[in-house]
PDB file of N, CA and C in Angstrom:
ATOM      1  N   MET A   1     -15.231  70.968 -55.261  1.00  0.00           N
ATOM      2  CA  MET A   1     -15.444  71.352 -56.637  1.00  0.00           C
ATOM      3  C   MET A   1     -16.766  70.760 -57.116  1.00  0.00           C
ATOM      4  N   ARG A   2     -17.541  71.546 -57.837  1.00  0.00           N
ATOM      5  CA  ARG A   2     -18.845  71.092 -58.323  1.00  0.00           C
ATOM      6  C   ARG A   2     -18.655  70.088 -59.453  1.00  0.00           C
ATOM      7  N   ARG A   3     -19.436  69.062 -59.431  1.00  0.00           N
ATOM      8  CA  ARG A   3     -19.464  68.068 -60.505  1.00  0.00           C
ATOM      9  C   ARG A   3     -20.921  67.860 -60.905  1.00  0.00           C
ATOM     10  N   VAL A   4     -21.145  67.349 -62.097  1.00  0.00           N
ATOM     11  CA  VAL A   4     -22.494  67.132 -62.604  1.00  0.00           C
ATOM     12  C   VAL A   4     -22.665  65.656 -62.951  1.00  0.00           C
ATOM     13  N   ASP A   5     -23.925  65.228 -63.068  1.00  0.00           N
ATOM     14  CA  ASP A   5     -24.125  63.827 -63.442  1.00  0.00           C
ATOM     15  C   ASP A   5     -23.807  63.671 -64.928  1.00  0.00           C
ATOM     16  N   PRO A   6     -23.513  62.443 -65.352  1.00  0.00           N
ATOM     17  CA  PRO A   6     -23.082  62.222 -66.741  1.00  0.00           C
ATOM     18  C   PRO A   6     -24.086  62.716 -67.787  1.00  0.00           C
ATOM     19  N   ALA A   7     -25.368  62.580 -67.545  1.00  0.00           N
ATOM     20  CA  ALA A   7     -26.363  63.037 -68.529  1.00  0.00           C
ATOM     21  C   ALA A   7     -26.314  64.553 -68.676  1.00  0.00           C
ATOM     22  N   GLU A   8     -26.188  65.258 -67.557  1.00  0.00           N
ATOM     23  CA  GLU A   8     -26.082  66.719 -67.610  1.00  0.00           C
ATOM     24  C   GLU A   8     -24.785  67.132 -68.302  1.00  0.00           C
ATOM     25  N   ALA A   9     -23.710  66.426 -68.012  1.00  0.00           N
ATOM     26  CA  ALA A   9     -22.421  66.729 -68.634  1.00  0.00           C
ATOM     27  C   ALA A   9     -22.495  66.537 -70.147  1.00  0.00           C
ATOM     28  N   ARG A  10     -23.102  65.415 -70.585  1.00  0.00           N
ATOM     29  CA  ARG A  10     -23.218  65.136 -72.012  1.00  0.00           C
ATOM     30  C   ARG A  10     -24.055  66.208 -72.708  1.00  0.00           C
ATOM     31  N   ALA A  11     -25.143  66.630 -72.078  1.00  0.00           N
ATOM     32  CA  ALA A  11     -25.993  67.667 -72.664  1.00  0.00           C
ATOM     33  C   ALA A  11     -25.243  68.999 -72.753  1.00  0.00           C
ATOM     34  N   ALA A  12     -24.458  69.313 -71.734  1.00  0.00           N
ATOM     35  CA  ALA A  12     -23.691  70.564 -71.740  1.00  0.00           C
ATOM     36  C   ALA A  12     -22.637  70.553 -72.838  1.00  0.00           C
ATOM     37  N   VAL A  13     -21.958  69.428 -73.016  1.00  0.00           N
ATOM     38  CA  VAL A  13     -20.937  69.311 -74.059  1.00  0.00           C
ATOM     39  C   VAL A  13     -21.576  69.427 -75.442  1.00  0.00           C
ATOM     40  N   ALA A  14     -22.654  68.704 -75.659  1.00  0.00           N
ATOM     41  CA  ALA A  14     -23.344  68.764 -76.954  1.00  0.00           C
ATOM     42  C   ALA A  14     -23.850  70.172 -77.230  1.00  0.00           C
ATOM     43  N   GLY A  15     -24.436  70.807 -76.236  1.00  0.00           N
ATOM     44  CA  GLY A  15     -24.936  72.167 -76.420  1.00  0.00           C
ATOM     45  C   GLY A  15     -23.832  73.161 -76.718  1.00  0.00           C
ATOM     46  N   ALA A  16     -22.697  73.000 -76.039  1.00  0.00           N
ATOM     47  CA  ALA A  16     -21.563  73.899 -76.281  1.00  0.00           C
ATOM     48  C   ALA A  16     -21.004  73.709 -77.688  1.00  0.00           C
ATOM     49  N   LEU A  17     -20.929  72.467 -78.134  1.00  0.00           N
ATOM     50  CA  LEU A  17     -20.433  72.217 -79.495  1.00  0.00           C
ATOM     51  C   LEU A  17     -21.399  72.791 -80.532  1.00  0.00           C
ATOM     52  N   LEU A  18     -22.680  72.636 -80.300  1.00  0.00           N
ATOM     53  CA  LEU A  18     -23.668  73.174 -81.243  1.00  0.00           C
ATOM     54  C   LEU A  18     -23.696  74.703 -81.236  1.00  0.00           C
ATOM     55  N   ALA A  19     -23.340  75.304 -80.121  1.00  0.00           N
ATOM     56  CA  ALA A  19     -23.281  76.764 -80.058  1.00  0.00           C
ATOM     57  C   ALA A  19     -22.151  77.295 -80.948  1.00  0.00           C
ATOM     58  N   ILE A  20     -21.109  76.494 -81.097  1.00  0.00           N
ATOM     59  CA  ILE A  20     -19.956  76.900 -81.906  1.00  0.00           C
ATOM     60  C   ILE A  20     -20.123  76.483 -83.361  1.00  0.00           C
ATOM     61  N   VAL A  21     -20.615  75.270 -83.561  1.00  0.00           N
ATOM     62  CA  VAL A  21     -20.809  74.729 -84.914  1.00  0.00           C
ATOM     63  C   VAL A  21     -22.284  74.313 -85.027  1.00  0.00           C
ATOM     64  N   PRO A  22     -23.154  75.275 -85.336  1.00  0.00           N
ATOM     65  CA  PRO A  22     -24.598  75.002 -85.315  1.00  0.00           C
ATOM     66  C   PRO A  22     -25.062  73.862 -86.223  1.00  0.00           C
ATOM     67  N   ASP A  23     -24.336  73.620 -87.301  1.00  0.00           N
ATOM     68  CA  ASP A  23     -24.772  72.553 -88.207  1.00  0.00           C
ATOM     69  C   ASP A  23     -24.056  71.228 -87.944  1.00  0.00           C
ATOM     70  N   ALA A  24     -23.329  71.137 -86.844  1.00  0.00           N
ATOM     71  CA  ALA A  24     -22.615  69.900 -86.518  1.00  0.00           C
ATOM     72  C   ALA A  24     -23.606  68.787 -86.183  1.00  0.00           C
ATOM     73  N   ASP A  25     -23.267  67.580 -86.596  1.00  0.00           N
ATOM     74  CA  ASP A  25     -24.073  66.416 -86.260  1.00  0.00           C
ATOM     75  C   ASP A  25     -23.470  65.787 -85.002  1.00  0.00           C
ATOM     76  N   VAL A  26     -23.755  66.410 -83.887  1.00  0.00           N
ATOM     77  CA  VAL A  26     -23.158  65.992 -82.613  1.00  0.00           C
ATOM     78  C   VAL A  26     -23.616  64.584 -82.224  1.00  0.00           C
ATOM     79  N   GLU A  27     -24.827  64.225 -82.616  1.00  0.00           N
ATOM     80  CA  GLU A  27     -25.348  62.896 -82.280  1.00  0.00           C
ATOM     81  C   GLU A  27     -24.513  61.789 -82.917  1.00  0.00           C
ATOM     82  N   SER A  28     -23.989  62.035 -84.106  1.00  0.00           N
ATOM     83  CA  SER A  28     -23.210  60.994 -84.772  1.00  0.00           C
ATOM     84  C   SER A  28     -21.719  61.083 -84.459  1.00  0.00           C
ATOM     85  N   LEU A  29     -21.323  62.109 -83.729  1.00  0.00           N
ATOM     86  CA  LEU A  29     -19.926  62.234 -83.313  1.00  0.00           C
ATOM     87  C   LEU A  29     -19.636  61.135 -82.288  1.00  0.00           C
ATOM     88  N   GLY A  30     -18.680  60.301 -82.577  1.00  0.00           N
ATOM     89  CA  GLY A  30     -18.363  59.206 -81.665  1.00  0.00           C
ATOM     90  C   GLY A  30     -17.869  59.716 -80.325  1.00  0.00           C
ATOM     91  N   ASP A  31     -18.193  58.982 -79.271  1.00  0.00           N
ATOM     92  CA  ASP A  31     -17.776  59.383 -77.928  1.00  0.00           C
ATOM     93  C   ASP A  31     -16.264  59.524 -77.807  1.00  0.00           C
ATOM     94  N   ASP A  32     -15.523  58.734 -78.565  1.00  0.00           N
ATOM     95  CA  ASP A  32     -14.067  58.747 -78.455  1.00  0.00           C
ATOM     96  C   ASP A  32     -13.381  59.437 -79.632  1.00  0.00           C
ATOM     97  N   THR A  33     -14.157  60.163 -80.419  1.00  0.00           N
ATOM     98  CA  THR A  33     -13.594  60.909 -81.541  1.00  0.00           C
ATOM     99  C   THR A  33     -13.094  62.268 -81.059  1.00  0.00           C
ATOM    100  N   PRO A  34     -11.849  62.610 -81.315  1.00  0.00           N
ATOM    101  CA  PRO A  34     -11.361  63.948 -80.942  1.00  0.00           C
ATOM    102  C   PRO A  34     -12.154  65.022 -81.707  1.00  0.00           C
ATOM    103  N   PHE A  35     -12.957  65.783 -80.980  1.00  0.00           N
ATOM    104  CA  PHE A  35     -13.903  66.681 -81.665  1.00  0.00           C
ATOM    105  C   PHE A  35     -13.260  67.942 -82.230  1.00  0.00           C
ATOM    106  N   ARG A  36     -12.118  68.358 -81.715  1.00  0.00           N
ATOM    107  CA  ARG A  36     -11.500  69.576 -82.277  1.00  0.00           C
ATOM    108  C   ARG A  36     -11.166  69.377 -83.744  1.00  0.00           C
ATOM    109  N   GLY A  37     -10.570  68.248 -84.067  1.00  0.00           N
ATOM    110  CA  GLY A  37     -10.232  67.968 -85.452  1.00  0.00           C
ATOM    111  C   GLY A  37     -11.455  67.649 -86.284  1.00  0.00           C
ATOM    112  N   GLU A  38     -12.353  66.883 -85.710  1.00  0.00           N
ATOM    113  CA  GLU A  38     -13.547  66.460 -86.440  1.00  0.00           C
ATOM    114  C   GLU A  38     -14.431  67.651 -86.809  1.00  0.00           C
ATOM    115  N   LEU A  39     -14.539  68.628 -85.890  1.00  0.00           N
ATOM    116  CA  LEU A  39     -15.396  69.797 -86.133  1.00  0.00           C
ATOM    117  C   LEU A  39     -14.598  71.019 -86.580  1.00  0.00           C
ATOM    118  N   ASP A  40     -13.279  70.832 -86.780  1.00  0.00           N
ATOM    119  CA  ASP A  40     -12.400  71.900 -87.250  1.00  0.00           C
ATOM    120  C   ASP A  40     -12.438  73.121 -86.322  1.00  0.00           C
ATOM    121  N   LEU A  41     -12.322  72.869 -85.018  1.00  0.00           N
ATOM    122  CA  LEU A  41     -12.327  73.953 -84.032  1.00  0.00           C
ATOM    123  C   LEU A  41     -10.920  74.525 -83.899  1.00  0.00           C
ATOM    124  N   ASP A  42     -10.808  75.845 -84.005  1.00  0.00           N
ATOM    125  CA  ASP A  42      -9.511  76.477 -83.755  1.00  0.00           C
ATOM    126  C   ASP A  42      -9.402  76.787 -82.260  1.00  0.00           C
ATOM    127  N   SER A  43      -8.305  77.406 -81.859  1.00  0.00           N
ATOM    128  CA  SER A  43      -8.074  77.637 -80.430  1.00  0.00           C
ATOM    129  C   SER A  43      -9.124  78.564 -79.816  1.00  0.00           C
ATOM    130  N   LEU A  44      -9.566  79.553 -80.567  1.00  0.00           N
ATOM    131  CA  LEU A  44     -10.607  80.453 -80.056  1.00  0.00           C
ATOM    132  C   LEU A  44     -11.935  79.703 -79.897  1.00  0.00           C
ATOM    133  N   ASP A  45     -12.248  78.858 -80.851  1.00  0.00           N
ATOM    134  CA  ASP A  45     -13.448  78.022 -80.746  1.00  0.00           C
ATOM    135  C   ASP A  45     -13.371  77.143 -79.493  1.00  0.00           C
ATOM    136  N   PHE A  46     -12.195  76.575 -79.246  1.00  0.00           N
ATOM    137  CA  PHE A  46     -12.049  75.697 -78.087  1.00  0.00           C
ATOM    138  C   PHE A  46     -12.231  76.481 -76.799  1.00  0.00           C
ATOM    139  N   LEU A  47     -11.675  77.688 -76.727  1.00  0.00           N
ATOM    140  CA  LEU A  47     -11.865  78.508 -75.523  1.00  0.00           C
ATOM    141  C   LEU A  47     -13.339  78.853 -75.336  1.00  0.00           C
ATOM    142  N   THR A  48     -14.027  79.133 -76.414  1.00  0.00           N
ATOM    143  CA  THR A  48     -15.465  79.394 -76.338  1.00  0.00           C
ATOM    144  C   THR A  48     -16.197  78.153 -75.837  1.00  0.00           C
ATOM    145  N   PHE A  49     -15.781  76.993 -76.321  1.00  0.00           N
ATOM    146  CA  PHE A  49     -16.354  75.732 -75.853  1.00  0.00           C
ATOM    147  C   PHE A  49     -16.174  75.592 -74.339  1.00  0.00           C
ATOM    148  N   VAL A  50     -14.966  75.819 -73.859  1.00  0.00           N
ATOM    149  CA  VAL A  50     -14.675  75.681 -72.427  1.00  0.00           C
ATOM    150  C   VAL A  50     -15.532  76.663 -71.616  1.00  0.00           C
ATOM    151  N   GLU A  51     -15.583  77.903 -72.051  1.00  0.00           N
ATOM    152  CA  GLU A  51     -16.376  78.907 -71.329  1.00  0.00           C
ATOM    153  C   GLU A  51     -17.858  78.534 -71.317  1.00  0.00           C
ATOM    154  N   THR A  52     -18.345  78.016 -72.427  1.00  0.00           N
ATOM    155  CA  THR A  52     -19.753  77.636 -72.506  1.00  0.00           C
ATOM    156  C   THR A  52     -20.051  76.459 -71.582  1.00  0.00           C
ATOM    157  N   VAL A  53     -19.172  75.473 -71.569  1.00  0.00           N
ATOM    158  CA  VAL A  53     -19.370  74.325 -70.678  1.00  0.00           C
ATOM    159  C   VAL A  53     -19.323  74.776 -69.219  1.00  0.00           C
ATOM    160  N   CYS A  54     -18.388  75.661 -68.891  1.00  0.00           N
ATOM    161  CA  CYS A  54     -18.312  76.197 -67.518  1.00  0.00           C
ATOM    162  C   CYS A  54     -19.620  76.884 -67.145  1.00  0.00           C
ATOM    163  N   ALA A  55     -20.127  77.713 -68.040  1.00  0.00           N
ATOM    164  CA  ALA A  55     -21.353  78.458 -67.758  1.00  0.00           C
ATOM    165  C   ALA A  55     -22.549  77.520 -67.611  1.00  0.00           C
ATOM    166  N   ARG A  56     -22.606  76.480 -68.405  1.00  0.00           N
ATOM    167  CA  ARG A  56     -23.757  75.560 -68.368  1.00  0.00           C
ATOM    168  C   ARG A  56     -23.725  74.608 -67.186  1.00  0.00           C
ATOM    169  N   THR A  57     -22.521  74.282 -66.705  1.00  0.00           N
ATOM    170  CA  THR A  57     -22.417  73.282 -65.632  1.00  0.00           C
ATOM    171  C   THR A  57     -22.017  73.873 -64.282  1.00  0.00           C
ATOM    172  N   GLY A  58     -21.357  75.010 -64.299  1.00  0.00           N
ATOM    173  CA  GLY A  58     -20.841  75.573 -63.057  1.00  0.00           C
ATOM    174  C   GLY A  58     -19.550  74.912 -62.607  1.00  0.00           C
ATOM    175  N   VAL A  59     -19.013  74.037 -63.432  1.00  0.00           N
ATOM    176  CA  VAL A  59     -17.756  73.356 -63.115  1.00  0.00           C
ATOM    177  C   VAL A  59     -16.596  74.242 -63.550  1.00  0.00           C
ATOM    178  N   ARG A  60     -15.662  74.433 -62.644  1.00  0.00           N
ATOM    179  CA  ARG A  60     -14.471  75.203 -62.976  1.00  0.00           C
ATOM    180  C   ARG A  60     -13.536  74.354 -63.838  1.00  0.00           C
ATOM    181  N   ILE A  61     -13.067  74.939 -64.926  1.00  0.00           N
ATOM    182  CA  ILE A  61     -12.132  74.238 -65.807  1.00  0.00           C
ATOM    183  C   ILE A  61     -10.903  75.116 -65.957  1.00  0.00           C
ATOM    184  N   ASP A  62      -9.800  74.665 -65.413  1.00  0.00           N
ATOM    185  CA  ASP A  62      -8.539  75.398 -65.517  1.00  0.00           C
ATOM    186  C   ASP A  62      -7.813  75.001 -66.795  1.00  0.00           C
ATOM    187  N   GLU A  63      -6.888  75.857 -67.213  1.00  0.00           N
ATOM    188  CA  GLU A  63      -6.133  75.587 -68.438  1.00  0.00           C
ATOM    189  C   GLU A  63      -5.416  74.236 -68.359  1.00  0.00           C
ATOM    190  N   ALA A  64      -4.970  73.867 -67.177  1.00  0.00           N
ATOM    191  CA  ALA A  64      -4.286  72.579 -67.005  1.00  0.00           C
ATOM    192  C   ALA A  64      -5.213  71.398 -67.307  1.00  0.00           C
ATOM    193  N   ASP A  65      -6.514  71.646 -67.263  1.00  0.00           N
ATOM    194  CA  ASP A  65      -7.489  70.584 -67.536  1.00  0.00           C
ATOM    195  C   ASP A  65      -7.773  70.416 -69.031  1.00  0.00           C
ATOM    196  N   TYR A  66      -7.382  71.356 -69.855  1.00  0.00           N
ATOM    197  CA  TYR A  66      -7.737  71.325 -71.277  1.00  0.00           C
ATOM    198  C   TYR A  66      -7.361  70.020 -71.982  1.00  0.00           C
ATOM    199  N   PRO A  67      -6.189  69.440 -71.679  1.00  0.00           N
ATOM    200  CA  PRO A  67      -5.844  68.179 -72.362  1.00  0.00           C
ATOM    201  C   PRO A  67      -6.831  67.038 -72.067  1.00  0.00           C
ATOM    202  N   ARG A  68      -7.606  67.177 -71.018  1.00  0.00           N
ATOM    203  CA  ARG A  68      -8.590  66.145 -70.676  1.00  0.00           C
ATOM    204  C   ARG A  68      -9.901  66.330 -71.432  1.00  0.00           C
ATOM    205  N   LEU A  69     -10.004  67.394 -72.200  1.00  0.00           N
ATOM    206  CA  LEU A  69     -11.255  67.718 -72.900  1.00  0.00           C
ATOM    207  C   LEU A  69     -11.086  67.519 -74.400  1.00  0.00           C
ATOM    208  N   THR A  70     -10.810  66.306 -74.794  1.00  0.00           N
ATOM    209  CA  THR A  70     -10.543  66.051 -76.207  1.00  0.00           C
ATOM    210  C   THR A  70     -11.686  65.334 -76.921  1.00  0.00           C
ATOM    211  N   THR A  71     -12.445  64.553 -76.185  1.00  0.00           N
ATOM    212  CA  THR A  71     -13.561  63.809 -76.773  1.00  0.00           C
ATOM    213  C   THR A  71     -14.806  64.035 -75.918  1.00  0.00           C
ATOM    214  N   VAL A  72     -15.940  63.658 -76.449  1.00  0.00           N
ATOM    215  CA  VAL A  72     -17.172  63.777 -75.657  1.00  0.00           C
ATOM    216  C   VAL A  72     -17.041  62.917 -74.399  1.00  0.00           C
ATOM    217  N   ALA A  73     -16.538  61.697 -74.550  1.00  0.00           N
ATOM    218  CA  ALA A  73     -16.400  60.804 -73.402  1.00  0.00           C
ATOM    219  C   ALA A  73     -15.447  61.368 -72.352  1.00  0.00           C
ATOM    220  N   SER A  74     -14.339  61.942 -72.790  1.00  0.00           N
ATOM    221  CA  SER A  74     -13.382  62.480 -71.810  1.00  0.00           C
ATOM    222  C   SER A  74     -13.946  63.718 -71.117  1.00  0.00           C
ATOM    223  N   CYS A  75     -14.723  64.513 -71.842  1.00  0.00           N
ATOM    224  CA  CYS A  75     -15.369  65.673 -71.223  1.00  0.00           C
ATOM    225  C   CYS A  75     -16.393  65.231 -70.172  1.00  0.00           C
ATOM    226  N   VAL A  76     -17.210  64.249 -70.530  1.00  0.00           N
ATOM    227  CA  VAL A  76     -18.219  63.742 -69.587  1.00  0.00           C
ATOM    228  C   VAL A  76     -17.527  63.178 -68.349  1.00  0.00           C
ATOM    229  N   ALA A  77     -16.461  62.423 -68.549  1.00  0.00           N
ATOM    230  CA  ALA A  77     -15.729  61.854 -67.415  1.00  0.00           C
ATOM    231  C   ALA A  77     -15.153  62.954 -66.528  1.00  0.00           C
ATOM    232  N   PHE A  78     -14.560  63.971 -67.141  1.00  0.00           N
ATOM    233  CA  PHE A  78     -13.990  65.071 -66.365  1.00  0.00           C
ATOM    234  C   PHE A  78     -15.060  65.809 -65.573  1.00  0.00           C
ATOM    235  N   LEU A  79     -16.158  66.138 -66.237  1.00  0.00           N
ATOM    236  CA  LEU A  79     -17.197  66.945 -65.598  1.00  0.00           C
ATOM    237  C   LEU A  79     -17.943  66.189 -64.499  1.00  0.00           C
ATOM    238  N   SER A  80     -17.957  64.876 -64.574  1.00  0.00           N
ATOM    239  CA  SER A  80     -18.745  64.102 -63.612  1.00  0.00           C
ATOM    240  C   SER A  80     -17.910  63.315 -62.615  1.00  0.00           C
ATOM    241  N   GLU A  81     -16.595  63.408 -62.719  1.00  0.00           N
ATOM    242  CA  GLU A  81     -15.778  62.649 -61.773  1.00  0.00           C
ATOM    243  C   GLU A  81     -15.946  63.217 -60.371  1.00  0.00           C
ATOM    244  N   PRO A  82     -15.879  62.339 -59.380  1.00  0.00           N
ATOM    245  CA  PRO A  82     -16.055  62.813 -57.992  1.00  0.00           C
ATOM    246  C   PRO A  82     -14.902  63.664 -57.507  1.00  0.00           C
TER     247      PRO A  82
END
């Protein structure tokens, strides 16, 4: 399975969030803050987020992985784990 380095993962997550919420202050979003609630993402927004991250990183994300994608830190860890 393809994995990315943490810097690439962080950039992909930030870019995907900004694609959904263009005026979001992603820089001030805490690494451990659950972003769905913080950015008011509904389920369709979250699916768009997942698809965007997949497209930007090439990492396959299955539905079973969704619970691991709650914060920026957890997304980076998931995308870059060996």
